[in-house]
């Protein structure tokens, strides 16, 4: 099964961002993709108000994404924001949500691990999720994770133990010293931890796409990558918008898990 990662750069205009989903989904479908993965915050980039555009997973924006998926015969995975409950201090919050929609699939995942690191505090305005989510396409089970989740191996091994062939990781990876190297290392490490494919699709670098971005917001660095179950990089993007594809092969996953049985050999200590 072919999976595409559409590394794009979104901004504040949700309609323009939706047009990007339409454009890149059409391109991925022409290249034979069955699943098209977009970054975290596809609906609206970080650094812009999120509460005003938050909507349910069956709302207008998500429904438009589903229609795009249906027209192109694919499943689209994209990051959006859904309404959250107020914080204990009474602050309005959203939920950082991934949707996977199209052709009988309508799954959603709320980001579990919030980005309270490197001087940014996502938990001020975002409500965390508390459940892992997987969905099936053509007999292949896929897991969902979002950005900062990639630093937590247990999430990925939990997916793999439940039978996933790949975990899809939309992200908006904040810039900073060593951050690109960390992103690449973490994607490869999570593939090795869980002996599955990792499809890590990040927002591109705004300046590489001619987009003006708010200062200090985690707006993306590019370098999306697709990794094999043995940790080998199969495809990798630069900083600018780009489409990557990988063919996920169940036999490769099964062979790797026989060859490197880390899931079976793990012990509770």
C-alpha atoms as a PDB file:
ATOM      1  CA  UNK A   1       0.000   0.000   0.000  1.00  0.00           C
ATOM      2  CA  UNK A   2       1.411   3.354  -1.016  1.00  0.00           C
ATOM      3  CA  UNK A   3       1.424   6.174   1.540  1.00  0.00           C
ATOM      4  CA  UNK A   4       2.228   9.783   0.659  1.00  0.00           C
ATOM      5  CA  UNK A   5       3.519  12.485   2.983  1.00  0.00           C
ATOM      6  CA  UNK A   6       2.609  15.985   1.814  1.00  0.00           C
ATOM      7  CA  UNK A   7       5.047  18.400   3.443  1.00  0.00           C
ATOM      8  CA  UNK A   8       3.318  21.768   3.113  1.00  0.00           C
ATOM      9  CA  UNK A   9       3.427  25.123   4.912  1.00  0.00           C
ATOM     10  CA  UNK A  10       0.119  26.418   6.223  1.00  0.00           C
ATOM     11  CA  UNK A  11      -0.835  29.883   7.430  1.00  0.00           C
ATOM     12  CA  UNK A  12      -3.767  31.590   9.159  1.00  0.00           C
ATOM     13  CA  UNK A  13      -6.303  31.263   6.308  1.00  0.00           C
ATOM     14  CA  UNK A  14      -8.185  27.975   6.778  1.00  0.00           C
ATOM     15  CA  UNK A  15      -9.663  28.169   3.267  1.00  0.00           C
ATOM     16  CA  UNK A  16      -6.249  28.585   1.652  1.00  0.00           C
ATOM     17  CA  UNK A  17      -4.948  25.717   3.770  1.00  0.00           C
ATOM     18  CA  UNK A  18      -7.851  23.584   2.550  1.00  0.00           C
ATOM     19  CA  UNK A  19      -6.930  24.449  -1.044  1.00  0.00           C
ATOM     20  CA  UNK A  20      -3.452  23.119  -0.333  1.00  0.00           C
ATOM     21  CA  UNK A  21      -4.989  19.869   0.934  1.00  0.00           C
ATOM     22  CA  UNK A  22      -6.956  19.622  -2.305  1.00  0.00           C
ATOM     23  CA  UNK A  23      -3.925  20.336  -4.537  1.00  0.00           C
ATOM     24  CA  UNK A  24      -1.539  17.936  -2.818  1.00  0.00           C
ATOM     25  CA  UNK A  25      -4.127  15.175  -2.424  1.00  0.00           C
ATOM     26  CA  UNK A  26      -4.753  15.243  -6.174  1.00  0.00           C
ATOM     27  CA  UNK A  27      -1.008  15.016  -6.807  1.00  0.00           C
ATOM     28  CA  UNK A  28      -0.580  12.116  -4.375  1.00  0.00           C
ATOM     29  CA  UNK A  29      -3.533  10.241  -5.866  1.00  0.00           C
ATOM     30  CA  UNK A  30      -1.998  10.564  -9.337  1.00  0.00           C
ATOM     31  CA  UNK A  31       1.141   8.935  -7.919  1.00  0.00           C
ATOM     32  CA  UNK A  32      -0.870   5.969  -6.682  1.00  0.00           C
ATOM     33  CA  UNK A  33      -1.135   6.816  -2.997  1.00  0.00           C
ATOM     34  CA  UNK A  34      -3.890   5.177  -0.980  1.00  0.00           C
ATOM     35  CA  UNK A  35      -3.253   7.284   2.145  1.00  0.00           C
ATOM     36  CA  UNK A  36      -2.127  10.928   2.084  1.00  0.00           C
ATOM     37  CA  UNK A  37      -0.629  12.378   5.271  1.00  0.00           C
ATOM     38  CA  UNK A  38      -0.524  16.116   5.938  1.00  0.00           C
ATOM     39  CA  UNK A  39       1.201  17.901   8.848  1.00  0.00           C
ATOM     40  CA  UNK A  40      -0.030  18.846  12.271  1.00  0.00           C
ATOM     41  CA  UNK A  41      -1.864  22.200  12.243  1.00  0.00           C
ATOM     42  CA  UNK A  42      -2.917  21.849   8.606  1.00  0.00           C
ATOM     43  CA  UNK A  43      -6.162  23.655   9.391  1.00  0.00           C
ATOM     44  CA  UNK A  44      -4.290  26.699  10.783  1.00  0.00           C
ATOM     45  CA  UNK A  45      -0.622  27.153  11.585  1.00  0.00           C
ATOM     46  CA  UNK A  46       0.571  27.657  15.145  1.00  0.00           C
ATOM     47  CA  UNK A  47       1.132  31.248  16.214  1.00  0.00           C
ATOM     48  CA  UNK A  48      -2.375  32.290  15.125  1.00  0.00           C
ATOM     49  CA  UNK A  49      -5.557  32.175  17.261  1.00  0.00           C
ATOM     50  CA  UNK A  50      -6.868  28.618  17.377  1.00  0.00           C
ATOM     51  CA  UNK A  51     -10.061  28.856  19.455  1.00  0.00           C
ATOM     52  CA  UNK A  52     -12.023  30.790  16.766  1.00  0.00           C
ATOM     53  CA  UNK A  53     -11.438  28.094  14.117  1.00  0.00           C
ATOM     54  CA  UNK A  54     -11.818  25.009  16.308  1.00  0.00           C
ATOM     55  CA  UNK A  55     -14.711  22.823  15.192  1.00  0.00           C
ATOM     56  CA  UNK A  56     -15.983  19.245  15.660  1.00  0.00           C
ATOM     57  CA  UNK A  57     -14.577  16.391  13.589  1.00  0.00           C
ATOM     58  CA  UNK A  58     -17.824  16.346  11.588  1.00  0.00           C
ATOM     59  CA  UNK A  59     -17.772  20.124  11.085  1.00  0.00           C
ATOM     60  CA  UNK A  60     -17.356  22.053   7.814  1.00  0.00           C
ATOM     61  CA  UNK A  61     -13.543  21.927   7.560  1.00  0.00           C
ATOM     62  CA  UNK A  62     -13.237  18.218   8.334  1.00  0.00           C
ATOM     63  CA  UNK A  63     -16.174  17.464   6.043  1.00  0.00           C
ATOM     64  CA  UNK A  64     -14.447  19.330   3.216  1.00  0.00           C
ATOM     65  CA  UNK A  65     -11.286  17.273   3.799  1.00  0.00           C
ATOM     66  CA  UNK A  66     -13.382  14.114   3.677  1.00  0.00           C
ATOM     67  CA  UNK A  67     -14.941  15.208   0.386  1.00  0.00           C
ATOM     68  CA  UNK A  68     -11.475  15.804  -1.081  1.00  0.00           C
ATOM     69  CA  UNK A  69     -10.465  12.313   0.035  1.00  0.00           C
ATOM     70  CA  UNK A  70     -13.589  10.750  -1.459  1.00  0.00           C
ATOM     71  CA  UNK A  71     -13.184  12.512  -4.809  1.00  0.00           C
ATOM     72  CA  UNK A  72      -9.596  11.300  -5.109  1.00  0.00           C
ATOM     73  CA  UNK A  73     -10.202   7.762  -3.857  1.00  0.00           C
ATOM     74  CA  UNK A  74      -7.825   8.064  -0.894  1.00  0.00           C
ATOM     75  CA  UNK A  75      -7.776   8.420   2.882  1.00  0.00           C
ATOM     76  CA  UNK A  76      -6.491  11.809   4.082  1.00  0.00           C
ATOM     77  CA  UNK A  77      -4.817  12.314   7.450  1.00  0.00           C
ATOM     78  CA  UNK A  78      -4.536  15.960   8.538  1.00  0.00           C
ATOM     79  CA  UNK A  79      -4.100  18.057  11.657  1.00  0.00           C
ATOM     80  CA  UNK A  80      -6.900  20.321  12.860  1.00  0.00           C
ATOM     81  CA  UNK A  81      -8.219  21.791  16.101  1.00  0.00           C
ATOM     82  CA  UNK A  82     -11.396  20.757  17.871  1.00  0.00           C
ATOM     83  CA  UNK A  83     -13.097  22.456  20.827  1.00  0.00           C
ATOM     84  CA  UNK A  84     -11.687  21.584  24.251  1.00  0.00           C
ATOM     85  CA  UNK A  85     -12.940  22.178  27.761  1.00  0.00           C
ATOM     86  CA  UNK A  86     -11.773  25.231  29.754  1.00  0.00           C
ATOM     87  CA  UNK A  87      -8.706  24.811  31.941  1.00  0.00           C
ATOM     88  CA  UNK A  88      -8.891  24.863  35.733  1.00  0.00           C
ATOM     89  CA  UNK A  89      -8.045  28.582  35.521  1.00  0.00           C
ATOM     90  CA  UNK A  90     -10.971  29.160  33.142  1.00  0.00           C
ATOM     91  CA  UNK A  91      -8.787  29.543  30.050  1.00  0.00           C
ATOM     92  CA  UNK A  92     -10.361  28.494  26.735  1.00  0.00           C
ATOM     93  CA  UNK A  93      -8.626  25.483  25.197  1.00  0.00           C
ATOM     94  CA  UNK A  94      -8.710  23.518  21.970  1.00  0.00           C
ATOM     95  CA  UNK A  95      -7.723  19.927  21.278  1.00  0.00           C
ATOM     96  CA  UNK A  96      -4.894  19.219  18.838  1.00  0.00           C
ATOM     97  CA  UNK A  97      -6.609  16.621  16.660  1.00  0.00           C
ATOM     98  CA  UNK A  98      -5.701  14.427  13.720  1.00  0.00           C
ATOM     99  CA  UNK A  99      -8.450  13.219  11.427  1.00  0.00           C
ATOM    100  CA  UNK A 100      -8.221  10.227   9.089  1.00  0.00           C
ATOM    101  CA  UNK A 101     -11.116  10.389   6.639  1.00  0.00           C
ATOM    102  CA  UNK A 102     -12.346   8.944   3.359  1.00  0.00           C
ATOM    103  CA  UNK A 103     -13.853   5.749   1.956  1.00  0.00           C
ATOM    104  CA  UNK A 104     -15.354   4.330   5.124  1.00  0.00           C
ATOM    105  CA  UNK A 105     -12.640   5.635   7.449  1.00  0.00           C
ATOM    106  CA  UNK A 106     -13.501   8.374   9.949  1.00  0.00           C
ATOM    107  CA  UNK A 107     -11.034   8.237  12.824  1.00  0.00           C
ATOM    108  CA  UNK A 108      -9.665  11.000  15.031  1.00  0.00           C
ATOM    109  CA  UNK A 109      -6.773  11.193  17.476  1.00  0.00           C
ATOM    110  CA  UNK A 110      -6.260  13.877  20.117  1.00  0.00           C
ATOM    111  CA  UNK A 111      -2.571  14.560  20.808  1.00  0.00           C
ATOM    112  CA  UNK A 112      -1.600  12.876  24.081  1.00  0.00           C
ATOM    113  CA  UNK A 113       1.813  14.434  24.787  1.00  0.00           C
ATOM    114  CA  UNK A 114       1.660  18.226  24.715  1.00  0.00           C
ATOM    115  CA  UNK A 115       4.674  20.292  23.713  1.00  0.00           C
ATOM    116  CA  UNK A 116       5.714  21.862  26.996  1.00  0.00           C
ATOM    117  CA  UNK A 117       9.391  22.101  26.064  1.00  0.00           C
ATOM    118  CA  UNK A 118      12.010  24.433  24.603  1.00  0.00           C
ATOM    119  CA  UNK A 119      10.253  27.424  26.188  1.00  0.00           C
ATOM    120  CA  UNK A 120       6.869  26.687  24.558  1.00  0.00           C
ATOM    121  CA  UNK A 121       3.855  25.609  26.614  1.00  0.00           C
ATOM    122  CA  UNK A 122       1.189  23.982  24.465  1.00  0.00           C
ATOM    123  CA  UNK A 123      -0.804  22.940  27.532  1.00  0.00           C
ATOM    124  CA  UNK A 124      -1.757  26.574  28.206  1.00  0.00           C
ATOM    125  CA  UNK A 125      -4.220  26.497  25.325  1.00  0.00           C
ATOM    126  CA  UNK A 126      -4.540  22.814  24.380  1.00  0.00           C
ATOM    127  CA  UNK A 127      -6.325  19.999  26.179  1.00  0.00           C
ATOM    128  CA  UNK A 128      -4.469  16.650  26.018  1.00  0.00           C
ATOM    129  CA  UNK A 129      -6.011  13.475  24.692  1.00  0.00           C
ATOM    130  CA  UNK A 130      -5.851  10.192  26.574  1.00  0.00           C
ATOM    131  CA  UNK A 131      -6.438   7.416  24.015  1.00  0.00           C
ATOM    132  CA  UNK A 132      -4.388   5.860  21.241  1.00  0.00           C
ATOM    133  CA  UNK A 133      -6.070   5.544  17.855  1.00  0.00           C
ATOM    134  CA  UNK A 134      -5.559   3.118  14.993  1.00  0.00           C
ATOM    135  CA  UNK A 135      -7.476   2.560  11.775  1.00  0.00           C
ATOM    136  CA  UNK A 136      -7.468  -0.007   8.971  1.00  0.00           C
ATOM    137  CA  UNK A 137      -7.080   0.521   5.233  1.00  0.00           C
ATOM    138  CA  UNK A 138      -7.204  -2.423   2.812  1.00  0.00           C
ATOM    139  CA  UNK A 139      -6.293  -4.852   5.576  1.00  0.00           C
ATOM    140  CA  UNK A 140      -3.360  -2.734   6.807  1.00  0.00           C
ATOM    141  CA  UNK A 141      -3.543  -1.265  10.319  1.00  0.00           C
ATOM    142  CA  UNK A 142      -2.076   2.220  10.787  1.00  0.00           C
ATOM    143  CA  UNK A 143      -1.424   4.106  14.018  1.00  0.00           C
ATOM    144  CA  UNK A 144      -1.566   7.837  14.680  1.00  0.00           C
ATOM    145  CA  UNK A 145       0.792  10.078  16.643  1.00  0.00           C
ATOM    146  CA  UNK A 146       1.466  13.813  16.628  1.00  0.00           C
ATOM    147  CA  UNK A 147       4.773  15.698  16.707  1.00  0.00           C
ATOM    148  CA  UNK A 148       6.028  15.691  20.340  1.00  0.00           C
ATOM    149  CA  UNK A 149       4.592  12.163  20.723  1.00  0.00           C
ATOM    150  CA  UNK A 150       7.642  10.970  18.771  1.00  0.00           C
ATOM    151  CA  UNK A 151       9.770  11.423  21.902  1.00  0.00           C
ATOM    152  CA  UNK A 152       7.769   8.727  23.742  1.00  0.00           C
ATOM    153  CA  UNK A 153       8.635   5.180  22.601  1.00  0.00           C
ATOM    154  CA  UNK A 154       5.824   3.443  24.510  1.00  0.00           C
ATOM    155  CA  UNK A 155       3.194   4.985  22.239  1.00  0.00           C
ATOM    156  CA  UNK A 156       4.830   3.440  19.176  1.00  0.00           C
ATOM    157  CA  UNK A 157       5.423   0.025  20.691  1.00  0.00           C
ATOM    158  CA  UNK A 158       1.788  -0.006  21.852  1.00  0.00           C
ATOM    159  CA  UNK A 159       0.692   0.552  18.261  1.00  0.00           C
ATOM    160  CA  UNK A 160       3.026  -2.172  16.995  1.00  0.00           C
ATOM    161  CA  UNK A 161       1.828  -4.685  19.592  1.00  0.00           C
ATOM    162  CA  UNK A 162      -1.704  -4.000  18.343  1.00  0.00           C
ATOM    163  CA  UNK A 163      -0.637  -4.941  14.817  1.00  0.00           C
ATOM    164  CA  UNK A 164       0.184  -1.677  13.057  1.00  0.00           C
ATOM    165  CA  UNK A 165       2.358  -1.816   9.962  1.00  0.00           C
ATOM    166  CA  UNK A 166       3.108   1.905  10.200  1.00  0.00           C
ATOM    167  CA  UNK A 167       2.577   4.850  12.498  1.00  0.00           C
ATOM    168  CA  UNK A 168       1.805   8.190  10.851  1.00  0.00           C
ATOM    169  CA  UNK A 169       3.301  11.225  12.607  1.00  0.00           C
ATOM    170  CA  UNK A 170       2.064  14.633  11.415  1.00  0.00           C
ATOM    171  CA  UNK A 171       4.139  17.386  13.015  1.00  0.00           C
ATOM    172  CA  UNK A 172       4.956  21.064  13.207  1.00  0.00           C
ATOM    173  CA  UNK A 173       8.483  20.616  14.528  1.00  0.00           C
ATOM    174  CA  UNK A 174       9.791  23.843  16.042  1.00  0.00           C
ATOM    175  CA  UNK A 175      13.141  25.196  14.858  1.00  0.00           C
ATOM    176  CA  UNK A 176      16.204  25.436  17.069  1.00  0.00           C
ATOM    177  CA  UNK A 177      19.775  24.223  17.483  1.00  0.00           C
ATOM    178  CA  UNK A 178      19.951  20.506  16.790  1.00  0.00           C
ATOM    179  CA  UNK A 179      16.211  20.150  16.243  1.00  0.00           C
ATOM    180  CA  UNK A 180      16.411  18.742  12.700  1.00  0.00           C
ATOM    181  CA  UNK A 181      18.949  16.145  13.838  1.00  0.00           C
ATOM    182  CA  UNK A 182      16.706  15.204  16.763  1.00  0.00           C
ATOM    183  CA  UNK A 183      13.685  14.847  14.461  1.00  0.00           C
ATOM    184  CA  UNK A 184      15.555  12.505  12.132  1.00  0.00           C
ATOM    185  CA  UNK A 185      17.069  10.487  14.978  1.00  0.00           C
ATOM    186  CA  UNK A 186      13.731  10.110  16.774  1.00  0.00           C
ATOM    187  CA  UNK A 187      11.897   8.935  13.651  1.00  0.00           C
ATOM    188  CA  UNK A 188      14.531   6.282  13.007  1.00  0.00           C
ATOM    189  CA  UNK A 189      14.652   5.254  16.656  1.00  0.00           C
ATOM    190  CA  UNK A 190      10.886   4.829  16.859  1.00  0.00           C
ATOM    191  CA  UNK A 191      11.000   2.580  13.776  1.00  0.00           C
ATOM    192  CA  UNK A 192      13.637   0.426  15.458  1.00  0.00           C
ATOM    193  CA  UNK A 193      11.819   0.426  18.811  1.00  0.00           C
ATOM    194  CA  UNK A 194       8.622  -0.840  17.230  1.00  0.00           C
ATOM    195  CA  UNK A 195       9.802  -2.591  14.024  1.00  0.00           C
ATOM    196  CA  UNK A 196       7.245  -0.811  11.861  1.00  0.00           C
ATOM    197  CA  UNK A 197       7.306   1.903   9.212  1.00  0.00           C
ATOM    198  CA  UNK A 198       7.316   5.506  10.420  1.00  0.00           C
ATOM    199  CA  UNK A 199       5.830   8.205   8.191  1.00  0.00           C
ATOM    200  CA  UNK A 200       6.870  11.505   9.782  1.00  0.00           C
ATOM    201  CA  UNK A 201       5.267  14.408   7.902  1.00  0.00           C
ATOM    202  CA  UNK A 202       6.184  17.869   9.150  1.00  0.00           C
ATOM    203  CA  UNK A 203       5.349  21.402   8.189  1.00  0.00           C
ATOM    204  CA  UNK A 204       7.958  22.805   5.831  1.00  0.00           C
ATOM    205  CA  UNK A 205      10.177  25.741   6.763  1.00  0.00           C
ATOM    206  CA  UNK A 206       8.033  28.860   6.220  1.00  0.00           C
ATOM    207  CA  UNK A 207      10.826  30.913   4.643  1.00  0.00           C
ATOM    208  CA  UNK A 208      11.462  28.126   2.116  1.00  0.00           C
ATOM    209  CA  UNK A 209       7.854  28.499   0.964  1.00  0.00           C
ATOM    210  CA  UNK A 210       7.776  32.304   1.041  1.00  0.00           C
ATOM    211  CA  UNK A 211       5.463  32.332   4.059  1.00  0.00           C
ATOM    212  CA  UNK A 212       5.786  34.883   6.850  1.00  0.00           C
ATOM    213  CA  UNK A 213       5.501  33.090  10.195  1.00  0.00           C
ATOM    214  CA  UNK A 214       4.916  34.385  13.731  1.00  0.00           C
ATOM    215  CA  UNK A 215       8.041  34.544  15.868  1.00  0.00           C
ATOM    216  CA  UNK A 216       8.699  31.746  18.365  1.00  0.00           C
ATOM    217  CA  UNK A 217       5.812  29.589  17.134  1.00  0.00           C
ATOM    218  CA  UNK A 218       6.666  25.939  16.293  1.00  0.00           C
ATOM    219  CA  UNK A 219       5.924  26.417  12.612  1.00  0.00           C
ATOM    220  CA  UNK A 220       8.033  23.629  11.107  1.00  0.00           C
ATOM    221  CA  UNK A 221      11.497  22.917   9.750  1.00  0.00           C
ATOM    222  CA  UNK A 222      10.679  20.495   6.934  1.00  0.00           C
ATOM    223  CA  UNK A 223      12.788  17.328   6.580  1.00  0.00           C
ATOM    224  CA  UNK A 224       9.802  14.970   6.566  1.00  0.00           C
ATOM    225  CA  UNK A 225      10.952  11.384   6.300  1.00  0.00           C
ATOM    226  CA  UNK A 226       9.749   7.847   5.792  1.00  0.00           C
ATOM    227  CA  UNK A 227      11.598   5.103   7.636  1.00  0.00           C
ATOM    228  CA  UNK A 228      11.636   1.323   7.218  1.00  0.00           C
ATOM    229  CA  UNK A 229      11.073  -1.102  10.123  1.00  0.00           C
ATOM    230  CA  UNK A 230      14.879  -1.536  10.296  1.00  0.00           C
ATOM    231  CA  UNK A 231      15.449   2.210  10.714  1.00  0.00           C
ATOM    232  CA  UNK A 232      16.554   2.907   7.139  1.00  0.00           C
ATOM    233  CA  UNK A 233      15.457   6.223   5.658  1.00  0.00           C
ATOM    234  CA  UNK A 234      13.460   5.424   2.525  1.00  0.00           C
ATOM    235  CA  UNK A 235      12.590   8.989   1.520  1.00  0.00           C
ATOM    236  CA  UNK A 236      13.330  12.421   2.942  1.00  0.00           C
ATOM    237  CA  UNK A 237      12.352  15.977   2.082  1.00  0.00           C
ATOM    238  CA  UNK A 238      14.263  19.221   2.322  1.00  0.00           C
ATOM    239  CA  UNK A 239      12.912  22.447   3.789  1.00  0.00           C
ATOM    240  CA  UNK A 240      10.433  23.411   1.052  1.00  0.00           C
ATOM    241  CA  UNK A 241       7.030  21.874   0.268  1.00  0.00           C
ATOM    242  CA  UNK A 242       7.480  18.402  -1.178  1.00  0.00           C
ATOM    243  CA  UNK A 243       5.627  15.118  -1.665  1.00  0.00           C
ATOM    244  CA  UNK A 244       7.161  11.830  -0.533  1.00  0.00           C
ATOM    245  CA  UNK A 245       5.829   8.317  -1.094  1.00  0.00           C
ATOM    246  CA  UNK A 246       6.601   4.901   0.349  1.00  0.00           C
ATOM    247  CA  UNK A 247       5.156   1.461  -0.296  1.00  0.00           C
ATOM    248  CA  UNK A 248       4.292  -0.186   3.022  1.00  0.00           C
ATOM    249  CA  UNK A 249       4.817  -3.934   2.781  1.00  0.00           C
ATOM    250  CA  UNK A 250       3.325  -6.228   5.429  1.00  0.00           C
ATOM    251  CA  UNK A 251       5.803  -8.984   4.616  1.00  0.00           C
ATOM    252  CA  UNK A 252       8.676  -6.606   5.360  1.00  0.00           C
ATOM    253  CA  UNK A 253       7.165  -5.789   8.743  1.00  0.00           C
ATOM    254  CA  UNK A 254       6.632  -9.454   9.582  1.00  0.00           C
ATOM    255  CA  UNK A 255      10.140 -10.407   8.434  1.00  0.00           C
ATOM    256  CA  UNK A 256      11.695  -7.614  10.497  1.00  0.00           C
ATOM    257  CA  UNK A 257       9.770  -8.618  13.594  1.00  0.00           C
ATOM    258  CA  UNK A 258      11.040 -12.175  13.209  1.00  0.00           C
ATOM    259  CA  UNK A 259      14.598 -11.001  12.580  1.00  0.00           C
ATOM    260  CA  UNK A 260      14.675  -8.359  15.339  1.00  0.00           C
ATOM    261  CA  UNK A 261      12.041  -9.545  17.859  1.00  0.00           C
ATOM    262  CA  UNK A 262      12.355  -6.609  20.253  1.00  0.00           C
ATOM    263  CA  UNK A 263       8.604  -6.594  20.899  1.00  0.00           C
ATOM    264  CA  UNK A 264       8.650 -10.279  21.877  1.00  0.00           C
ATOM    265  CA  UNK A 265      11.901 -10.019  23.833  1.00  0.00           C
ATOM    266  CA  UNK A 266      10.967  -6.975  25.900  1.00  0.00           C
ATOM    267  CA  UNK A 267      10.634  -7.509  29.651  1.00  0.00           C
ATOM    268  CA  UNK A 268       8.806  -5.473  32.260  1.00  0.00           C
ATOM    269  CA  UNK A 269      11.432  -4.205  34.716  1.00  0.00           C
END
